[in-house]
Amino acid sequence: MASVVQVPVDLPGVHAEALEVTGRYVEAVSADRLHDPTPCDGWDVHALLNHLVAGNWWAAELAAGRTIPDVGDRFDGDLVGDDPQGAYRASAAAAAEVFRRPGALDRPCAVSYGPVPGAVYCGHRFIDVLVHGWDLAVAIGADPALPAHLVDACWEVVTPQAELLAGSGMFAPARPVPFDADAQVRLLALLGRGD
């Protein structure tokens, strides 16, 4: 996954928008839904929220030039506590800001599968946040329709590296789709999601 994927997408912009979209689903999570199952195998809503918050904090650190050893175990364990919404808002703000810094998309990020340029990492964070937003929406019974322009942007980021992402183990195997499936169904199926 270390190769640079050039896409005609404002990566910091769509990443920030995906954080906002997912944030609306996070705001709708009630305490009695935290242990509901999600489309993510083995994760309930709490675990999914914790993954999102941890991923955002990791992005804020790694895209700023820190390394995994620098961060250590600070983001291990429960990061949402009794305020999932507050935890998500704080982490999302930090993650959105870091990729907007001058030079952030060119700076090497020392991720577990890298180092990779910030643009690659930002693209991967965008995919993760947007798709997990859908997962969360499904889990809590919200409308899972994602904004069409974000689905299109995510498709542009995913498709050039679909084989690499499939081989990463981060996603379930791609699912077949009917020939007339819409863009969101196609994107989610490519990333192992759907009915």
N, C-alpha and C. Protein backbone atom coordinates (compact mmCIF):
# COMPACT_ATOMS: atom_id res chain seq x y z
N MET A 1 0.80 -1.19 0.00
CA MET A 1 0.00 0.00 0.00
C MET A 1 0.84 1.25 0.00
N ALA A 2 2.11 1.15 -0.19
CA ALA A 2 2.98 2.31 -0.10
C ALA A 2 2.97 3.15 -1.36
N SER A 3 2.35 2.69 -2.44
CA SER A 3 2.38 3.45 -3.68
C SER A 3 1.42 4.64 -3.60
N VAL A 4 1.82 5.73 -4.24
CA VAL A 4 0.99 6.92 -4.26
C VAL A 4 -0.10 6.75 -5.29
N VAL A 5 -1.31 7.05 -4.90
CA VAL A 5 -2.44 6.97 -5.81
C VAL A 5 -2.89 8.40 -6.08
N GLN A 6 -2.73 8.85 -7.31
CA GLN A 6 -3.15 10.20 -7.68
C GLN A 6 -4.62 10.17 -8.06
N VAL A 7 -5.41 10.95 -7.36
CA VAL A 7 -6.83 11.05 -7.67
C VAL A 7 -7.22 12.51 -7.73
N PRO A 8 -8.15 12.85 -8.62
CA PRO A 8 -8.58 14.24 -8.73
C PRO A 8 -9.60 14.60 -7.65
N VAL A 9 -9.20 14.45 -6.40
CA VAL A 9 -10.10 14.66 -5.27
C VAL A 9 -9.39 15.56 -4.27
N ASP A 10 -10.13 16.48 -3.68
CA ASP A 10 -9.63 17.29 -2.56
C ASP A 10 -9.67 16.40 -1.32
N LEU A 11 -8.60 15.67 -1.09
CA LEU A 11 -8.60 14.68 -0.01
C LEU A 11 -8.86 15.28 1.36
N PRO A 12 -8.19 16.37 1.75
CA PRO A 12 -8.53 16.93 3.07
C PRO A 12 -9.99 17.38 3.15
N GLY A 13 -10.52 17.89 2.05
CA GLY A 13 -11.91 18.34 2.04
C GLY A 13 -12.89 17.20 2.19
N VAL A 14 -12.72 16.13 1.40
CA VAL A 14 -13.69 15.02 1.49
C VAL A 14 -13.51 14.26 2.79
N HIS A 15 -12.28 14.19 3.29
CA HIS A 15 -12.05 13.56 4.59
C HIS A 15 -12.80 14.32 5.68
N ALA A 16 -12.68 15.64 5.68
CA ALA A 16 -13.39 16.45 6.68
C ALA A 16 -14.90 16.29 6.55
N GLU A 17 -15.39 16.25 5.32
CA GLU A 17 -16.84 16.06 5.11
C GLU A 17 -17.28 14.69 5.61
N ALA A 18 -16.48 13.66 5.36
CA ALA A 18 -16.82 12.32 5.83
C ALA A 18 -16.86 12.30 7.36
N LEU A 19 -15.93 13.01 7.99
CA LEU A 19 -15.95 13.10 9.45
C LEU A 19 -17.25 13.74 9.93
N GLU A 20 -17.72 14.75 9.22
CA GLU A 20 -18.98 15.41 9.59
C GLU A 20 -20.18 14.47 9.39
N VAL A 21 -20.21 13.80 8.25
CA VAL A 21 -21.32 12.87 7.97
C VAL A 21 -21.37 11.79 9.04
N THR A 22 -20.24 11.18 9.31
CA THR A 22 -20.19 10.13 10.33
C THR A 22 -20.51 10.72 11.70
N GLY A 23 -20.08 11.94 11.91
CA GLY A 23 -20.38 12.61 13.18
C GLY A 23 -21.87 12.75 13.43
N ARG A 24 -22.65 12.96 12.38
CA ARG A 24 -24.11 13.05 12.55
C ARG A 24 -24.68 11.71 13.03
N TYR A 25 -24.13 10.62 12.53
CA TYR A 25 -24.56 9.31 13.01
C TYR A 25 -24.13 9.10 14.46
N VAL A 26 -22.92 9.53 14.77
CA VAL A 26 -22.42 9.40 16.15
C VAL A 26 -23.34 10.17 17.11
N GLU A 27 -23.74 11.36 16.71
CA GLU A 27 -24.62 12.17 17.57
C GLU A 27 -25.95 11.48 17.83
N ALA A 28 -26.37 10.61 16.92
CA ALA A 28 -27.66 9.92 17.06
C ALA A 28 -27.58 8.65 17.89
N VAL A 29 -26.39 8.27 18.33
CA VAL A 29 -26.23 7.04 19.11
C VAL A 29 -26.71 7.29 20.54
N SER A 30 -27.66 6.51 20.99
CA SER A 30 -28.12 6.61 22.37
C SER A 30 -27.42 5.54 23.21
N ALA A 31 -27.39 5.77 24.50
CA ALA A 31 -26.67 4.87 25.40
C ALA A 31 -27.18 3.44 25.31
N ASP A 32 -28.47 3.28 25.02
CA ASP A 32 -29.03 1.93 24.96
C ASP A 32 -28.69 1.21 23.67
N ARG A 33 -27.99 1.88 22.73
CA ARG A 33 -27.60 1.24 21.46
C ARG A 33 -26.13 0.84 21.43
N LEU A 34 -25.38 1.14 22.46
CA LEU A 34 -23.93 0.95 22.44
C LEU A 34 -23.51 -0.52 22.26
N HIS A 35 -24.36 -1.43 22.64
CA HIS A 35 -24.00 -2.85 22.52
C HIS A 35 -24.73 -3.54 21.39
N ASP A 36 -25.37 -2.76 20.52
CA ASP A 36 -26.01 -3.34 19.34
C ASP A 36 -24.95 -3.79 18.34
N PRO A 37 -25.23 -4.84 17.58
CA PRO A 37 -24.25 -5.30 16.58
C PRO A 37 -24.13 -4.32 15.42
N THR A 38 -23.01 -4.39 14.73
CA THR A 38 -22.76 -3.58 13.54
C THR A 38 -22.44 -4.51 12.37
N PRO A 39 -22.39 -3.99 11.16
CA PRO A 39 -21.95 -4.82 10.03
C PRO A 39 -20.48 -5.24 10.12
N CYS A 40 -19.73 -4.67 11.03
CA CYS A 40 -18.32 -5.04 11.22
C CYS A 40 -18.25 -6.27 12.11
N ASP A 41 -17.79 -7.35 11.55
CA ASP A 41 -17.78 -8.64 12.24
C ASP A 41 -17.11 -8.53 13.61
N GLY A 42 -17.86 -8.86 14.66
CA GLY A 42 -17.30 -8.89 16.00
C GLY A 42 -17.33 -7.55 16.73
N TRP A 43 -17.79 -6.50 16.09
CA TRP A 43 -17.83 -5.18 16.73
C TRP A 43 -19.26 -4.76 17.03
N ASP A 44 -19.49 -4.30 18.27
CA ASP A 44 -20.74 -3.65 18.57
C ASP A 44 -20.57 -2.15 18.33
N VAL A 45 -21.60 -1.36 18.60
CA VAL A 45 -21.55 0.08 18.33
C VAL A 45 -20.43 0.73 19.14
N HIS A 46 -20.28 0.33 20.39
CA HIS A 46 -19.21 0.91 21.22
C HIS A 46 -17.84 0.65 20.62
N ALA A 47 -17.60 -0.58 20.19
CA ALA A 47 -16.30 -0.92 19.60
C ALA A 47 -16.06 -0.15 18.32
N LEU A 48 -17.09 0.03 17.51
CA LEU A 48 -16.96 0.79 16.27
C LEU A 48 -16.65 2.25 16.58
N LEU A 49 -17.37 2.83 17.55
CA LEU A 49 -17.07 4.21 17.95
C LEU A 49 -15.65 4.33 18.45
N ASN A 50 -15.21 3.38 19.24
CA ASN A 50 -13.85 3.43 19.77
C ASN A 50 -12.83 3.36 18.63
N HIS A 51 -13.10 2.52 17.63
CA HIS A 51 -12.22 2.42 16.46
C HIS A 51 -12.14 3.76 15.73
N LEU A 52 -13.29 4.40 15.54
CA LEU A 52 -13.30 5.69 14.84
C LEU A 52 -12.53 6.74 15.61
N VAL A 53 -12.76 6.82 16.91
CA VAL A 53 -12.06 7.81 17.73
C VAL A 53 -10.56 7.54 17.74
N ALA A 54 -10.18 6.29 17.93
CA ALA A 54 -8.76 5.94 17.93
C ALA A 54 -8.12 6.26 16.58
N GLY A 55 -8.80 5.91 15.50
CA GLY A 55 -8.26 6.20 14.17
C GLY A 55 -8.05 7.68 13.94
N ASN A 56 -8.99 8.49 14.43
CA ASN A 56 -8.84 9.93 14.29
C ASN A 56 -7.64 10.45 15.08
N TRP A 57 -7.48 9.99 16.31
CA TRP A 57 -6.34 10.43 17.11
C TRP A 57 -5.02 9.96 16.49
N TRP A 58 -5.01 8.73 15.98
CA TRP A 58 -3.80 8.25 15.31
C TRP A 58 -3.47 9.13 14.11
N ALA A 59 -4.48 9.48 13.33
CA ALA A 59 -4.25 10.34 12.16
C ALA A 59 -3.66 11.67 12.58
N ALA A 60 -4.21 12.25 13.64
CA ALA A 60 -3.72 13.54 14.12
C ALA A 60 -2.24 13.47 14.50
N GLU A 61 -1.82 12.36 15.01
CA GLU A 61 -0.41 12.20 15.42
C GLU A 61 0.49 11.83 14.24
N LEU A 62 0.10 10.79 13.49
CA LEU A 62 0.98 10.29 12.43
C LEU A 62 1.10 11.27 11.27
N ALA A 63 0.02 11.96 10.93
CA ALA A 63 0.09 12.93 9.84
C ALA A 63 0.83 14.19 10.25
N ALA A 64 1.07 14.35 11.55
CA ALA A 64 1.87 15.47 12.04
C ALA A 64 3.35 15.12 12.13
N GLY A 65 3.70 13.89 11.74
CA GLY A 65 5.10 13.50 11.70
C GLY A 65 5.56 12.60 12.83
N ARG A 66 4.67 12.25 13.74
CA ARG A 66 5.07 11.35 14.81
C ARG A 66 5.05 9.90 14.31
N THR A 67 5.71 9.04 15.06
CA THR A 67 5.78 7.63 14.69
C THR A 67 4.95 6.80 15.66
N ILE A 68 4.75 5.54 15.30
CA ILE A 68 4.00 4.64 16.18
C ILE A 68 4.69 4.52 17.54
N PRO A 69 6.03 4.36 17.60
CA PRO A 69 6.67 4.33 18.93
C PRO A 69 6.51 5.65 19.70
N ASP A 70 6.49 6.78 18.98
CA ASP A 70 6.26 8.06 19.66
C ASP A 70 4.92 8.06 20.39
N VAL A 71 3.90 7.52 19.74
CA VAL A 71 2.55 7.53 20.30
C VAL A 71 2.41 6.47 21.39
N GLY A 72 3.07 5.33 21.17
CA GLY A 72 3.02 4.26 22.16
C GLY A 72 1.63 3.71 22.34
N ASP A 73 1.21 3.54 23.58
CA ASP A 73 -0.08 2.91 23.87
C ASP A 73 -1.15 3.93 24.28
N ARG A 74 -0.95 5.20 23.96
CA ARG A 74 -1.89 6.24 24.39
C ARG A 74 -3.31 6.02 23.88
N PHE A 75 -3.45 5.35 22.75
CA PHE A 75 -4.79 5.18 22.17
C PHE A 75 -5.29 3.75 22.31
N ASP A 76 -4.72 3.01 23.22
CA ASP A 76 -5.21 1.67 23.54
C ASP A 76 -6.38 1.80 24.52
N GLY A 77 -7.22 0.81 24.57
CA GLY A 77 -8.31 0.79 25.54
C GLY A 77 -9.50 1.62 25.11
N ASP A 78 -10.35 1.93 26.07
CA ASP A 78 -11.61 2.63 25.82
C ASP A 78 -11.36 4.13 25.74
N LEU A 79 -11.56 4.69 24.55
CA LEU A 79 -11.38 6.13 24.35
C LEU A 79 -12.69 6.90 24.34
N VAL A 80 -13.82 6.20 24.35
CA VAL A 80 -15.11 6.90 24.29
C VAL A 80 -15.72 7.11 25.66
N GLY A 81 -15.41 6.25 26.60
CA GLY A 81 -15.92 6.39 27.95
C GLY A 81 -17.42 6.58 27.98
N ASP A 82 -17.87 7.53 28.80
CA ASP A 82 -19.31 7.76 28.90
C ASP A 82 -19.76 8.95 28.05
N ASP A 83 -18.88 9.42 27.15
CA ASP A 83 -19.23 10.53 26.26
C ASP A 83 -18.76 10.24 24.83
N PRO A 84 -19.41 9.29 24.16
CA PRO A 84 -18.98 8.96 22.80
C PRO A 84 -19.02 10.16 21.86
N GLN A 85 -20.05 10.98 21.99
CA GLN A 85 -20.18 12.13 21.09
C GLN A 85 -19.05 13.12 21.30
N GLY A 86 -18.76 13.45 22.55
CA GLY A 86 -17.66 14.38 22.83
C GLY A 86 -16.32 13.82 22.38
N ALA A 87 -16.11 12.53 22.63
CA ALA A 87 -14.86 11.90 22.23
C ALA A 87 -14.70 11.94 20.72
N TYR A 88 -15.79 11.68 20.00
CA TYR A 88 -15.71 11.70 18.54
C TYR A 88 -15.47 13.12 18.04
N ARG A 89 -16.20 14.09 18.56
CA ARG A 89 -16.03 15.47 18.09
C ARG A 89 -14.60 15.95 18.26
N ALA A 90 -14.01 15.70 19.41
CA ALA A 90 -12.63 16.16 19.66
C ALA A 90 -11.65 15.48 18.71
N SER A 91 -11.81 14.18 18.55
CA SER A 91 -10.88 13.44 17.69
C SER A 91 -11.06 13.82 16.23
N ALA A 92 -12.30 14.03 15.80
CA ALA A 92 -12.58 14.39 14.41
C ALA A 92 -12.00 15.76 14.08
N ALA A 93 -12.12 16.70 14.99
CA ALA A 93 -11.57 18.03 14.76
C ALA A 93 -10.05 17.96 14.57
N ALA A 94 -9.39 17.16 15.40
CA ALA A 94 -7.93 17.02 15.29
C ALA A 94 -7.54 16.34 13.98
N ALA A 95 -8.28 15.31 13.59
CA ALA A 95 -7.97 14.59 12.35
C ALA A 95 -8.21 15.45 11.12
N ALA A 96 -9.29 16.22 11.12
CA ALA A 96 -9.57 17.09 9.97
C ALA A 96 -8.49 18.16 9.83
N GLU A 97 -8.09 18.73 10.94
CA GLU A 97 -7.12 19.83 10.93
C GLU A 97 -5.75 19.40 10.43
N VAL A 98 -5.30 18.23 10.83
CA VAL A 98 -3.92 17.85 10.54
C VAL A 98 -3.67 17.71 9.03
N PHE A 99 -4.65 17.22 8.29
CA PHE A 99 -4.45 17.04 6.85
C PHE A 99 -4.58 18.35 6.07
N ARG A 100 -5.01 19.41 6.73
CA ARG A 100 -5.12 20.71 6.07
C ARG A 100 -3.85 21.54 6.26
N ARG A 101 -2.93 21.06 7.03
CA ARG A 101 -1.69 21.81 7.27
C ARG A 101 -0.85 21.84 6.00
N PRO A 102 -0.12 22.94 5.79
CA PRO A 102 0.77 23.01 4.62
C PRO A 102 1.74 21.83 4.59
N GLY A 103 1.83 21.18 3.44
CA GLY A 103 2.75 20.06 3.26
C GLY A 103 2.28 18.73 3.79
N ALA A 104 1.09 18.70 4.41
CA ALA A 104 0.63 17.46 5.05
C ALA A 104 0.46 16.31 4.07
N LEU A 105 0.04 16.60 2.84
CA LEU A 105 -0.21 15.53 1.89
C LEU A 105 1.08 14.96 1.30
N ASP A 106 2.17 15.70 1.42
CA ASP A 106 3.46 15.23 0.91
C ASP A 106 4.32 14.60 2.01
N ARG A 107 4.06 14.96 3.25
CA ARG A 107 4.88 14.48 4.38
C ARG A 107 4.72 12.97 4.54
N PRO A 108 5.81 12.24 4.72
CA PRO A 108 5.69 10.80 4.96
C PRO A 108 4.99 10.54 6.30
N CYS A 109 4.11 9.58 6.30
CA CYS A 109 3.41 9.15 7.51
C CYS A 109 3.87 7.75 7.86
N ALA A 110 4.35 7.59 9.06
CA ALA A 110 4.92 6.30 9.50
C ALA A 110 3.82 5.39 10.02
N VAL A 111 2.93 5.01 9.13
CA VAL A 111 1.83 4.11 9.49
C VAL A 111 2.32 2.67 9.53
N SER A 112 1.48 1.78 10.01
CA SER A 112 1.89 0.39 10.16
C SER A 112 2.23 -0.27 8.83
N TYR A 113 1.71 0.24 7.72
CA TYR A 113 1.95 -0.33 6.40
C TYR A 113 2.82 0.60 5.55
N GLY A 114 3.55 1.47 6.17
CA GLY A 114 4.29 2.49 5.43
C GLY A 114 5.75 2.53 5.79
N PRO A 115 6.36 3.67 5.58
CA PRO A 115 5.74 4.99 5.47
C PRO A 115 5.09 5.21 4.10
N VAL A 116 4.06 6.07 4.14
CA VAL A 116 3.36 6.46 2.92
C VAL A 116 3.21 7.98 2.94
N PRO A 117 3.06 8.58 1.77
CA PRO A 117 2.79 10.02 1.75
C PRO A 117 1.48 10.34 2.45
N GLY A 118 1.39 11.55 2.99
CA GLY A 118 0.18 11.97 3.67
C GLY A 118 -1.06 11.83 2.82
N ALA A 119 -0.93 12.02 1.50
CA ALA A 119 -2.09 11.90 0.61
C ALA A 119 -2.65 10.48 0.64
N VAL A 120 -1.79 9.50 0.66
CA VAL A 120 -2.25 8.11 0.71
C VAL A 120 -2.95 7.84 2.04
N TYR A 121 -2.33 8.29 3.12
CA TYR A 121 -2.93 8.08 4.45
C TYR A 121 -4.25 8.82 4.58
N CYS A 122 -4.32 10.03 4.08
CA CYS A 122 -5.56 10.80 4.12
C CYS A 122 -6.66 10.07 3.34
N GLY A 123 -6.31 9.53 2.18
CA GLY A 123 -7.28 8.76 1.40
C GLY A 123 -7.78 7.55 2.15
N HIS A 124 -6.88 6.86 2.84
CA HIS A 124 -7.28 5.69 3.61
C HIS A 124 -8.16 6.07 4.79
N ARG A 125 -7.84 7.20 5.43
CA ARG A 125 -8.68 7.67 6.54
C ARG A 125 -10.07 8.06 6.02
N PHE A 126 -10.12 8.68 4.86
CA PHE A 126 -11.39 9.04 4.24
C PHE A 126 -12.25 7.80 4.02
N ILE A 127 -11.67 6.77 3.42
CA ILE A 127 -12.40 5.52 3.19
C ILE A 127 -12.92 4.97 4.52
N ASP A 128 -12.04 4.88 5.50
CA ASP A 128 -12.39 4.29 6.79
C ASP A 128 -13.54 5.04 7.45
N VAL A 129 -13.43 6.36 7.49
CA VAL A 129 -14.44 7.16 8.18
C VAL A 129 -15.78 7.09 7.45
N LEU A 130 -15.77 7.20 6.13
CA LEU A 130 -17.03 7.19 5.38
C LEU A 130 -17.72 5.83 5.48
N VAL A 131 -16.98 4.77 5.26
CA VAL A 131 -17.59 3.44 5.26
C VAL A 131 -18.05 3.06 6.67
N HIS A 132 -17.28 3.42 7.68
CA HIS A 132 -17.73 3.13 9.04
C HIS A 132 -18.92 4.00 9.44
N GLY A 133 -19.06 5.15 8.80
CA GLY A 133 -20.28 5.92 9.00
C GLY A 133 -21.50 5.14 8.55
N TRP A 134 -21.36 4.50 7.39
CA TRP A 134 -22.45 3.65 6.90
C TRP A 134 -22.70 2.50 7.87
N ASP A 135 -21.63 1.87 8.35
CA ASP A 135 -21.77 0.78 9.31
C ASP A 135 -22.56 1.24 10.54
N LEU A 136 -22.22 2.41 11.03
CA LEU A 136 -22.87 2.93 12.21
C LEU A 136 -24.34 3.24 11.94
N ALA A 137 -24.61 3.83 10.78
CA ALA A 137 -26.00 4.12 10.42
C ALA A 137 -26.84 2.85 10.39
N VAL A 138 -26.32 1.81 9.77
CA VAL A 138 -27.04 0.54 9.71
C VAL A 138 -27.27 0.00 11.12
N ALA A 139 -26.25 0.09 11.96
CA ALA A 139 -26.34 -0.47 13.31
C ALA A 139 -27.41 0.21 14.15
N ILE A 140 -27.57 1.52 13.99
CA ILE A 140 -28.53 2.23 14.84
C ILE A 140 -29.88 2.47 14.16
N GLY A 141 -30.03 1.96 12.94
CA GLY A 141 -31.29 2.10 12.23
C GLY A 141 -31.52 3.47 11.62
N ALA A 142 -30.44 4.22 11.36
CA ALA A 142 -30.55 5.53 10.71
C ALA A 142 -30.54 5.34 9.20
N ASP A 143 -30.88 6.39 8.48
CA ASP A 143 -30.83 6.36 7.01
C ASP A 143 -29.37 6.24 6.59
N PRO A 144 -28.98 5.12 5.95
CA PRO A 144 -27.58 4.92 5.61
C PRO A 144 -27.15 5.51 4.26
N ALA A 145 -28.01 6.33 3.66
CA ALA A 145 -27.65 6.93 2.37
C ALA A 145 -26.55 7.96 2.59
N LEU A 146 -25.42 7.75 1.94
CA LEU A 146 -24.28 8.65 2.05
C LEU A 146 -24.37 9.71 0.96
N PRO A 147 -23.80 10.90 1.18
CA PRO A 147 -23.82 11.92 0.13
C PRO A 147 -23.18 11.40 -1.15
N ALA A 148 -23.88 11.60 -2.26
CA ALA A 148 -23.43 11.03 -3.54
C ALA A 148 -22.03 11.50 -3.92
N HIS A 149 -21.70 12.76 -3.67
CA HIS A 149 -20.38 13.25 -4.07
C HIS A 149 -19.27 12.61 -3.24
N LEU A 150 -19.57 12.24 -1.99
CA LEU A 150 -18.57 11.54 -1.19
C LEU A 150 -18.42 10.09 -1.64
N VAL A 151 -19.52 9.47 -2.01
CA VAL A 151 -19.45 8.11 -2.56
C VAL A 151 -18.60 8.12 -3.83
N ASP A 152 -18.84 9.09 -4.71
CA ASP A 152 -18.07 9.18 -5.95
C ASP A 152 -16.59 9.42 -5.66
N ALA A 153 -16.30 10.31 -4.71
CA ALA A 153 -14.90 10.58 -4.36
C ALA A 153 -14.24 9.35 -3.76
N CYS A 154 -14.98 8.63 -2.93
CA CYS A 154 -14.43 7.41 -2.32
C CYS A 154 -14.15 6.36 -3.38
N TRP A 155 -15.04 6.25 -4.36
CA TRP A 155 -14.82 5.31 -5.47
C TRP A 155 -13.51 5.64 -6.19
N GLU A 156 -13.27 6.93 -6.40
CA GLU A 156 -12.04 7.36 -7.08
C GLU A 156 -10.80 7.00 -6.27
N VAL A 157 -10.91 7.05 -4.96
CA VAL A 157 -9.77 6.71 -4.10
C VAL A 157 -9.59 5.20 -4.01
N VAL A 158 -10.71 4.47 -3.92
CA VAL A 158 -10.65 3.02 -3.70
C VAL A 158 -10.23 2.25 -4.94
N THR A 159 -10.83 2.53 -6.08
CA THR A 159 -10.68 1.63 -7.22
C THR A 159 -9.24 1.47 -7.71
N PRO A 160 -8.39 2.51 -7.72
CA PRO A 160 -7.02 2.25 -8.18
C PRO A 160 -6.22 1.34 -7.26
N GLN A 161 -6.67 1.19 -6.03
CA GLN A 161 -5.93 0.37 -5.07
C GLN A 161 -6.80 -0.74 -4.47
N ALA A 162 -7.83 -1.12 -5.20
CA ALA A 162 -8.77 -2.12 -4.68
C ALA A 162 -8.07 -3.43 -4.33
N GLU A 163 -7.15 -3.86 -5.17
CA GLU A 163 -6.45 -5.13 -4.87
C GLU A 163 -5.61 -5.02 -3.61
N LEU A 164 -4.93 -3.89 -3.46
CA LEU A 164 -4.12 -3.68 -2.26
C LEU A 164 -4.99 -3.66 -1.01
N LEU A 165 -6.12 -2.97 -1.08
CA LEU A 165 -7.01 -2.90 0.07
C LEU A 165 -7.59 -4.28 0.38
N ALA A 166 -7.96 -5.03 -0.65
CA ALA A 166 -8.51 -6.37 -0.43
C ALA A 166 -7.47 -7.27 0.24
N GLY A 167 -6.23 -7.13 -0.17
CA GLY A 167 -5.16 -7.95 0.39
C GLY A 167 -4.72 -7.53 1.78
N SER A 168 -5.18 -6.35 2.22
CA SER A 168 -4.75 -5.83 3.52
C SER A 168 -5.44 -6.53 4.68
N GLY A 169 -6.57 -7.18 4.41
CA GLY A 169 -7.33 -7.80 5.48
C GLY A 169 -8.24 -6.83 6.22
N MET A 170 -8.23 -5.57 5.83
CA MET A 170 -9.06 -4.57 6.51
C MET A 170 -10.52 -4.67 6.10
N PHE A 171 -10.78 -5.30 4.95
CA PHE A 171 -12.14 -5.39 4.44
C PHE A 171 -12.48 -6.83 4.13
N ALA A 172 -13.76 -7.14 4.22
CA ALA A 172 -14.23 -8.46 3.81
C ALA A 172 -14.09 -8.56 2.29
N PRO A 173 -14.12 -9.76 1.74
CA PRO A 173 -14.03 -9.90 0.29
C PRO A 173 -15.17 -9.15 -0.42
N ALA A 174 -14.86 -8.69 -1.62
CA ALA A 174 -15.87 -7.97 -2.42
C ALA A 174 -17.06 -8.88 -2.66
N ARG A 175 -18.23 -8.25 -2.76
CA ARG A 175 -19.47 -8.98 -3.00
C ARG A 175 -19.97 -8.68 -4.41
N PRO A 176 -20.66 -9.61 -5.00
CA PRO A 176 -21.24 -9.34 -6.33
C PRO A 176 -22.38 -8.34 -6.21
N VAL A 177 -22.59 -7.59 -7.28
CA VAL A 177 -23.69 -6.63 -7.31
C VAL A 177 -24.45 -6.79 -8.62
N PRO A 178 -25.74 -6.46 -8.63
CA PRO A 178 -26.48 -6.48 -9.88
C PRO A 178 -25.96 -5.42 -10.83
N PHE A 179 -26.15 -5.62 -12.12
CA PHE A 179 -25.60 -4.70 -13.12
C PHE A 179 -26.14 -3.29 -12.96
N ASP A 180 -27.34 -3.15 -12.40
CA ASP A 180 -27.95 -1.83 -12.27
C ASP A 180 -27.80 -1.22 -10.88
N ALA A 181 -26.86 -1.75 -10.09
CA ALA A 181 -26.65 -1.23 -8.73
C ALA A 181 -26.18 0.21 -8.77
N ASP A 182 -26.59 0.98 -7.78
CA ASP A 182 -26.16 2.38 -7.74
C ASP A 182 -24.73 2.48 -7.19
N ALA A 183 -24.21 3.69 -7.21
CA ALA A 183 -22.80 3.91 -6.85
C ALA A 183 -22.51 3.51 -5.42
N GLN A 184 -23.42 3.81 -4.50
CA GLN A 184 -23.16 3.45 -3.11
C GLN A 184 -23.13 1.95 -2.92
N VAL A 185 -24.06 1.25 -3.53
CA VAL A 185 -24.09 -0.21 -3.43
C VAL A 185 -22.80 -0.80 -4.01
N ARG A 186 -22.35 -0.27 -5.14
CA ARG A 186 -21.12 -0.77 -5.76
C ARG A 186 -19.90 -0.54 -4.86
N LEU A 187 -19.81 0.66 -4.28
CA LEU A 187 -18.69 0.97 -3.40
C LEU A 187 -18.69 0.04 -2.19
N LEU A 188 -19.83 -0.08 -1.54
CA LEU A 188 -19.90 -0.90 -0.34
C LEU A 188 -19.63 -2.37 -0.66
N ALA A 189 -20.12 -2.85 -1.79
CA ALA A 189 -19.88 -4.24 -2.19
C ALA A 189 -18.40 -4.48 -2.45
N LEU A 190 -17.73 -3.50 -3.06
CA LEU A 190 -16.31 -3.63 -3.32
C LEU A 190 -15.53 -3.77 -2.01
N LEU A 191 -16.07 -3.15 -0.95
CA LEU A 191 -15.43 -3.19 0.37
C LEU A 191 -16.07 -4.22 1.29
N GLY A 192 -16.77 -5.20 0.67
CA GLY A 192 -17.27 -6.35 1.43
C GLY A 192 -18.54 -6.09 2.22
N ARG A 193 -19.30 -5.06 1.85
CA ARG A 193 -20.50 -4.74 2.59
C ARG A 193 -21.73 -4.83 1.69
N GLY A 194 -22.87 -5.00 2.32
CA GLY A 194 -24.12 -5.07 1.59
C GLY A 194 -24.99 -6.16 2.17
N ASP A 195 -26.11 -6.35 1.53
CA ASP A 195 -27.06 -7.37 2.01
C ASP A 195 -26.57 -8.76 1.69
